[in-house]
């Protein structure tokens, strides 16, 4: 995960916010889609791989005062509740997250899900 900001002149500054996969994949692997921001500036996204069951995760990141970001897995998919979340999340006015998975669920064809962010990520 990275952030690009405009520097002086025409320069672009890059800041790495999070490195995926460094923990054996428990925090997610291979983020491929957009992220969503809530009103407080917290960021949410998905990875189709990784997590405890290797079926993908929903994650949240909260900006810290020192310029770093706190990262948390909000959902690690286990197959029964979906596998491989494969599209960016939508967020409603209450901060609930909505997305889909490419497989898993009752019939194996994927699921549509809703997640309410936890206090550890949501301000």
N, C-alpha and C. Protein backbone atom coordinates (compact mmCIF):
# COMPACT_ATOMS: atom_id res chain seq x y z
N UNK A 1 0.86 -1.15 0.00
CA UNK A 1 0.00 0.00 0.00
C UNK A 1 0.91 1.22 0.00
N UNK A 2 0.62 2.17 -0.86
CA UNK A 2 1.45 3.38 -0.91
C UNK A 2 0.58 4.60 -1.14
N UNK A 3 1.18 5.75 -0.84
CA UNK A 3 0.53 7.04 -1.05
C UNK A 3 1.47 7.91 -1.86
N UNK A 4 0.93 8.57 -2.87
CA UNK A 4 1.70 9.52 -3.66
C UNK A 4 1.21 10.93 -3.34
N UNK A 5 2.16 11.84 -3.09
CA UNK A 5 1.81 13.24 -2.85
C UNK A 5 2.70 14.11 -3.73
N UNK A 6 2.19 15.26 -4.06
CA UNK A 6 2.96 16.20 -4.89
C UNK A 6 3.97 16.92 -4.00
N UNK A 7 5.21 16.92 -4.44
CA UNK A 7 6.26 17.63 -3.72
C UNK A 7 6.47 19.00 -4.33
N UNK A 8 7.59 19.62 -4.02
CA UNK A 8 7.89 20.93 -4.58
C UNK A 8 8.19 20.78 -6.08
N UNK A 9 7.82 21.80 -6.82
CA UNK A 9 8.00 21.72 -8.27
C UNK A 9 7.09 20.66 -8.85
N UNK A 10 7.63 19.84 -9.71
CA UNK A 10 6.84 18.77 -10.32
C UNK A 10 7.21 17.40 -9.78
N UNK A 11 7.77 17.35 -8.57
CA UNK A 11 8.18 16.07 -8.02
C UNK A 11 7.00 15.35 -7.37
N UNK A 12 7.10 14.04 -7.31
CA UNK A 12 6.10 13.20 -6.66
C UNK A 12 6.80 12.43 -5.55
N UNK A 13 6.22 12.47 -4.36
CA UNK A 13 6.78 11.74 -3.22
C UNK A 13 5.95 10.48 -2.98
N UNK A 14 6.65 9.36 -2.73
CA UNK A 14 5.97 8.11 -2.43
C UNK A 14 6.25 7.72 -0.98
N UNK A 15 5.20 7.31 -0.27
CA UNK A 15 5.34 6.78 1.08
C UNK A 15 4.68 5.41 1.13
N UNK A 16 5.44 4.39 1.52
CA UNK A 16 4.88 3.05 1.69
C UNK A 16 4.13 3.03 3.02
N UNK A 17 2.84 2.66 2.97
CA UNK A 17 2.00 2.64 4.16
C UNK A 17 1.93 1.25 4.78
N UNK A 18 2.01 0.20 3.96
CA UNK A 18 1.92 -1.17 4.47
C UNK A 18 2.53 -2.12 3.45
N UNK A 19 3.27 -3.11 3.94
CA UNK A 19 3.84 -4.15 3.10
C UNK A 19 3.07 -5.45 3.34
N UNK A 20 2.41 -5.95 2.32
CA UNK A 20 1.64 -7.19 2.42
C UNK A 20 2.55 -8.40 2.29
N UNK A 21 2.17 -9.49 2.96
CA UNK A 21 2.85 -10.78 2.81
C UNK A 21 4.01 -11.02 3.73
N UNK A 22 4.47 -10.04 4.47
CA UNK A 22 5.63 -10.21 5.32
C UNK A 22 5.41 -11.09 6.53
N UNK A 23 4.18 -11.41 6.81
CA UNK A 23 3.85 -12.23 7.97
C UNK A 23 3.37 -13.62 7.56
N UNK A 24 3.82 -14.07 6.41
CA UNK A 24 3.36 -15.37 5.91
C UNK A 24 1.98 -15.30 5.30
N UNK A 25 1.46 -14.11 5.12
CA UNK A 25 0.16 -13.93 4.47
C UNK A 25 -1.02 -13.77 5.41
N UNK A 26 -0.81 -13.82 6.72
CA UNK A 26 -1.93 -13.72 7.65
C UNK A 26 -2.70 -12.41 7.52
N UNK A 27 -2.03 -11.34 7.11
CA UNK A 27 -2.68 -10.03 6.95
C UNK A 27 -3.10 -9.76 5.52
N UNK A 28 -3.07 -10.78 4.68
CA UNK A 28 -3.51 -10.61 3.30
C UNK A 28 -2.36 -10.57 2.32
N UNK A 29 -2.65 -10.99 1.11
CA UNK A 29 -1.67 -11.01 0.03
C UNK A 29 -2.34 -10.55 -1.26
N UNK A 30 -1.62 -9.80 -2.06
CA UNK A 30 -2.00 -9.46 -3.43
C UNK A 30 -3.18 -8.51 -3.54
N UNK A 31 -3.11 -7.33 -2.90
CA UNK A 31 -4.21 -6.36 -3.06
C UNK A 31 -4.29 -5.92 -4.52
N UNK A 32 -5.46 -6.04 -5.12
CA UNK A 32 -5.57 -5.78 -6.56
C UNK A 32 -6.59 -4.72 -6.93
N UNK A 33 -7.27 -4.13 -5.99
CA UNK A 33 -8.37 -3.24 -6.34
C UNK A 33 -8.32 -1.96 -5.50
N UNK A 34 -9.28 -1.11 -5.70
CA UNK A 34 -9.30 0.19 -5.03
C UNK A 34 -9.58 0.07 -3.53
N UNK A 35 -9.34 1.16 -2.84
CA UNK A 35 -9.65 1.25 -1.42
C UNK A 35 -10.78 2.26 -1.23
N UNK A 36 -11.45 2.16 -0.08
CA UNK A 36 -12.53 3.08 0.28
C UNK A 36 -12.13 3.81 1.55
N UNK A 37 -12.54 5.07 1.65
CA UNK A 37 -12.27 5.87 2.84
C UNK A 37 -13.58 6.24 3.52
N UNK A 38 -13.59 6.20 4.86
CA UNK A 38 -14.76 6.69 5.58
C UNK A 38 -14.58 8.18 5.87
N UNK A 39 -15.56 8.76 6.55
CA UNK A 39 -15.53 10.20 6.83
C UNK A 39 -14.37 10.61 7.73
N UNK A 40 -13.86 9.67 8.52
CA UNK A 40 -12.76 9.96 9.44
C UNK A 40 -11.38 9.80 8.79
N UNK A 41 -11.34 9.36 7.54
CA UNK A 41 -10.06 9.18 6.86
C UNK A 41 -9.47 7.79 7.00
N UNK A 42 -10.22 6.85 7.61
CA UNK A 42 -9.75 5.47 7.68
C UNK A 42 -9.91 4.83 6.31
N UNK A 43 -9.02 3.91 5.98
CA UNK A 43 -8.99 3.28 4.67
C UNK A 43 -9.34 1.80 4.80
N UNK A 44 -10.09 1.28 3.83
CA UNK A 44 -10.52 -0.12 3.85
C UNK A 44 -10.31 -0.74 2.48
N UNK A 45 -9.93 -2.03 2.47
CA UNK A 45 -9.73 -2.73 1.21
C UNK A 45 -9.80 -4.24 1.40
N UNK A 46 -9.52 -4.95 0.32
CA UNK A 46 -9.55 -6.42 0.33
C UNK A 46 -8.29 -6.97 -0.33
N UNK A 47 -7.96 -8.19 0.04
CA UNK A 47 -6.96 -8.97 -0.69
C UNK A 47 -7.61 -10.31 -1.02
N UNK A 48 -7.44 -10.82 -2.23
CA UNK A 48 -8.07 -12.08 -2.60
C UNK A 48 -7.38 -13.30 -2.00
N UNK A 49 -6.19 -13.12 -1.50
CA UNK A 49 -5.40 -14.21 -0.93
C UNK A 49 -4.96 -13.85 0.47
N UNK A 50 -4.51 -14.83 1.22
CA UNK A 50 -4.01 -14.62 2.56
C UNK A 50 -5.11 -14.73 3.60
N UNK A 51 -4.76 -14.40 4.82
CA UNK A 51 -5.66 -14.58 5.94
C UNK A 51 -5.45 -15.95 6.55
N UNK A 52 -6.10 -16.19 7.67
CA UNK A 52 -5.93 -17.46 8.37
C UNK A 52 -6.27 -18.66 7.50
N UNK A 53 -7.30 -18.57 6.68
CA UNK A 53 -7.70 -19.68 5.83
C UNK A 53 -7.18 -19.58 4.41
N UNK A 54 -6.33 -18.59 4.14
CA UNK A 54 -5.78 -18.37 2.79
C UNK A 54 -6.86 -18.06 1.76
N UNK A 55 -8.01 -17.55 2.21
CA UNK A 55 -9.13 -17.25 1.32
C UNK A 55 -9.37 -15.77 1.10
N UNK A 56 -8.46 -14.93 1.60
CA UNK A 56 -8.59 -13.50 1.44
C UNK A 56 -9.07 -12.81 2.71
N UNK A 57 -8.89 -11.49 2.73
CA UNK A 57 -9.26 -10.70 3.91
C UNK A 57 -9.89 -9.37 3.51
N UNK A 58 -10.62 -8.80 4.46
CA UNK A 58 -11.01 -7.39 4.43
C UNK A 58 -10.15 -6.72 5.49
N UNK A 59 -9.50 -5.62 5.15
CA UNK A 59 -8.63 -4.94 6.10
C UNK A 59 -9.03 -3.48 6.26
N UNK A 60 -8.60 -2.91 7.37
CA UNK A 60 -8.79 -1.49 7.63
C UNK A 60 -7.47 -0.88 8.08
N UNK A 61 -7.27 0.37 7.72
CA UNK A 61 -6.07 1.10 8.12
C UNK A 61 -6.47 2.46 8.66
N UNK A 62 -5.88 2.81 9.80
CA UNK A 62 -6.20 4.06 10.47
C UNK A 62 -4.95 4.93 10.54
N UNK A 63 -5.01 6.19 10.06
CA UNK A 63 -3.83 7.05 10.13
C UNK A 63 -3.49 7.41 11.57
N UNK A 64 -2.21 7.41 11.86
CA UNK A 64 -1.71 7.76 13.19
C UNK A 64 -1.10 9.16 13.15
N UNK A 65 -0.97 9.78 14.29
CA UNK A 65 -0.44 11.15 14.35
C UNK A 65 1.01 11.25 13.89
N UNK A 66 1.77 10.14 13.98
CA UNK A 66 3.18 10.18 13.58
C UNK A 66 3.38 9.90 12.10
N UNK A 67 2.29 9.83 11.32
CA UNK A 67 2.40 9.63 9.88
C UNK A 67 2.34 8.17 9.44
N UNK A 68 2.32 7.23 10.39
CA UNK A 68 2.19 5.82 10.04
C UNK A 68 0.71 5.46 10.02
N UNK A 69 0.43 4.20 9.66
CA UNK A 69 -0.94 3.71 9.62
C UNK A 69 -1.04 2.45 10.46
N UNK A 70 -2.11 2.34 11.26
CA UNK A 70 -2.41 1.12 12.01
C UNK A 70 -3.21 0.21 11.09
N UNK A 71 -2.82 -1.05 10.99
CA UNK A 71 -3.44 -2.02 10.09
C UNK A 71 -4.16 -3.09 10.90
N UNK A 72 -5.35 -3.49 10.48
CA UNK A 72 -6.08 -4.56 11.16
C UNK A 72 -6.86 -5.37 10.14
N UNK A 73 -6.89 -6.68 10.31
CA UNK A 73 -7.75 -7.55 9.52
C UNK A 73 -9.13 -7.51 10.16
N UNK A 74 -10.14 -7.13 9.38
CA UNK A 74 -11.51 -7.07 9.87
C UNK A 74 -12.24 -8.39 9.63
N UNK A 75 -11.87 -9.09 8.56
CA UNK A 75 -12.50 -10.36 8.23
C UNK A 75 -11.50 -11.22 7.46
N UNK A 76 -11.28 -12.44 7.92
CA UNK A 76 -10.51 -13.43 7.18
C UNK A 76 -11.52 -14.49 6.72
N UNK A 77 -11.69 -14.63 5.42
CA UNK A 77 -12.71 -15.53 4.88
C UNK A 77 -12.30 -16.99 5.09
N UNK A 78 -13.32 -17.84 5.35
CA UNK A 78 -13.04 -19.25 5.64
C UNK A 78 -13.65 -20.21 4.63
N UNK A 79 -14.20 -19.71 3.56
CA UNK A 79 -14.83 -20.56 2.55
C UNK A 79 -16.34 -20.56 2.69
N UNK A 80 -16.83 -20.89 3.88
CA UNK A 80 -18.28 -20.89 4.10
C UNK A 80 -18.85 -19.48 3.94
N UNK A 81 -18.06 -18.47 4.32
CA UNK A 81 -18.51 -17.08 4.19
C UNK A 81 -17.91 -16.40 2.96
N UNK A 82 -17.33 -17.18 2.05
CA UNK A 82 -16.77 -16.65 0.81
C UNK A 82 -15.28 -16.89 0.71
N UNK A 83 -14.77 -16.80 -0.51
CA UNK A 83 -13.34 -16.85 -0.78
C UNK A 83 -13.02 -15.83 -1.87
N UNK A 84 -11.81 -15.32 -1.82
CA UNK A 84 -11.27 -14.40 -2.82
C UNK A 84 -12.14 -13.16 -3.05
N UNK A 85 -12.22 -12.27 -2.06
CA UNK A 85 -12.90 -11.00 -2.34
C UNK A 85 -12.18 -10.31 -3.49
N UNK A 86 -12.90 -9.98 -4.54
CA UNK A 86 -12.25 -9.61 -5.80
C UNK A 86 -12.66 -8.26 -6.36
N UNK A 87 -13.33 -7.45 -5.58
CA UNK A 87 -13.70 -6.11 -6.03
C UNK A 87 -13.56 -5.16 -4.84
N UNK A 88 -13.38 -3.90 -5.15
CA UNK A 88 -13.25 -2.91 -4.10
C UNK A 88 -14.51 -2.81 -3.26
N UNK A 89 -14.37 -2.25 -2.10
CA UNK A 89 -15.48 -2.12 -1.17
C UNK A 89 -16.26 -0.84 -1.41
N UNK A 90 -17.54 -0.89 -1.06
CA UNK A 90 -18.36 0.31 -0.99
C UNK A 90 -18.63 0.57 0.48
N UNK A 91 -18.79 1.83 0.83
CA UNK A 91 -19.00 2.21 2.22
C UNK A 91 -20.23 3.10 2.30
N UNK A 92 -21.12 2.84 3.27
CA UNK A 92 -22.33 3.65 3.40
C UNK A 92 -22.12 4.78 4.41
N UNK A 93 -23.16 5.58 4.62
CA UNK A 93 -23.04 6.76 5.48
C UNK A 93 -22.82 6.38 6.95
N UNK A 94 -23.12 5.14 7.33
CA UNK A 94 -22.89 4.68 8.70
C UNK A 94 -21.53 4.02 8.86
N UNK A 95 -20.76 3.89 7.77
CA UNK A 95 -19.44 3.27 7.83
C UNK A 95 -19.44 1.77 7.60
N UNK A 96 -20.60 1.19 7.24
CA UNK A 96 -20.63 -0.24 6.93
C UNK A 96 -19.98 -0.49 5.57
N UNK A 97 -19.28 -1.60 5.46
CA UNK A 97 -18.57 -1.96 4.24
C UNK A 97 -19.33 -3.05 3.50
N UNK A 98 -19.36 -2.98 2.17
CA UNK A 98 -20.05 -3.95 1.34
C UNK A 98 -19.11 -4.42 0.23
N UNK A 99 -19.15 -5.72 -0.06
CA UNK A 99 -18.32 -6.26 -1.11
C UNK A 99 -18.81 -7.63 -1.58
N UNK A 100 -18.04 -8.25 -2.46
CA UNK A 100 -18.37 -9.56 -3.00
C UNK A 100 -17.14 -10.45 -2.99
N UNK A 101 -17.39 -11.74 -3.06
CA UNK A 101 -16.29 -12.70 -3.22
C UNK A 101 -16.50 -13.47 -4.51
N UNK A 102 -15.42 -13.99 -5.07
CA UNK A 102 -15.48 -14.72 -6.33
C UNK A 102 -15.86 -16.17 -6.18
N UNK A 103 -15.91 -16.68 -4.97
CA UNK A 103 -16.27 -18.07 -4.74
C UNK A 103 -16.66 -18.28 -3.30
N UNK A 104 -16.90 -19.53 -2.96
CA UNK A 104 -17.28 -19.88 -1.60
C UNK A 104 -18.75 -19.63 -1.34
N UNK A 105 -19.13 -19.68 -0.10
CA UNK A 105 -20.53 -19.54 0.27
C UNK A 105 -21.27 -20.86 0.15
N UNK A 106 -22.55 -20.83 0.35
CA UNK A 106 -23.38 -22.04 0.40
C UNK A 106 -23.30 -22.87 -0.87
N UNK A 107 -23.26 -22.24 -2.04
CA UNK A 107 -23.28 -23.00 -3.30
C UNK A 107 -21.95 -22.90 -4.07
N UNK A 108 -20.96 -22.24 -3.48
CA UNK A 108 -19.65 -22.15 -4.11
C UNK A 108 -19.49 -21.05 -5.13
N UNK A 109 -20.56 -20.29 -5.37
CA UNK A 109 -20.52 -19.25 -6.39
C UNK A 109 -20.21 -17.86 -5.89
N UNK A 110 -19.82 -17.71 -4.64
CA UNK A 110 -19.49 -16.40 -4.09
C UNK A 110 -20.61 -15.86 -3.22
N UNK A 111 -20.31 -14.76 -2.55
CA UNK A 111 -21.26 -14.12 -1.65
C UNK A 111 -21.17 -12.60 -1.80
N UNK A 112 -22.24 -11.93 -1.39
CA UNK A 112 -22.22 -10.49 -1.15
C UNK A 112 -22.20 -10.34 0.37
N UNK A 113 -21.36 -9.47 0.90
CA UNK A 113 -21.21 -9.36 2.35
C UNK A 113 -21.29 -7.93 2.83
N UNK A 114 -21.59 -7.79 4.12
CA UNK A 114 -21.58 -6.51 4.83
C UNK A 114 -20.74 -6.69 6.08
N UNK A 115 -19.88 -5.72 6.36
CA UNK A 115 -19.04 -5.74 7.56
C UNK A 115 -19.15 -4.38 8.23
N UNK A 116 -19.36 -4.38 9.53
CA UNK A 116 -19.34 -3.15 10.30
C UNK A 116 -17.96 -3.03 10.93
N UNK A 117 -17.19 -1.99 10.59
CA UNK A 117 -15.82 -1.87 11.11
C UNK A 117 -15.78 -1.87 12.64
N UNK A 118 -14.70 -2.43 13.18
CA UNK A 118 -14.53 -2.50 14.62
C UNK A 118 -13.94 -1.22 15.17
N UNK A 119 -14.01 -1.06 16.46
CA UNK A 119 -13.49 0.14 17.12
C UNK A 119 -11.98 0.28 16.95
N UNK A 120 -11.27 -0.81 16.73
CA UNK A 120 -9.82 -0.71 16.59
C UNK A 120 -9.40 0.04 15.34
N UNK A 121 -10.25 0.07 14.33
CA UNK A 121 -9.92 0.77 13.09
C UNK A 121 -10.77 2.00 12.91
N UNK A 122 -12.04 1.92 13.24
CA UNK A 122 -12.96 3.03 13.01
C UNK A 122 -12.88 4.01 14.18
N UNK A 123 -12.79 5.28 13.89
CA UNK A 123 -12.70 6.31 14.93
C UNK A 123 -14.04 6.55 15.57
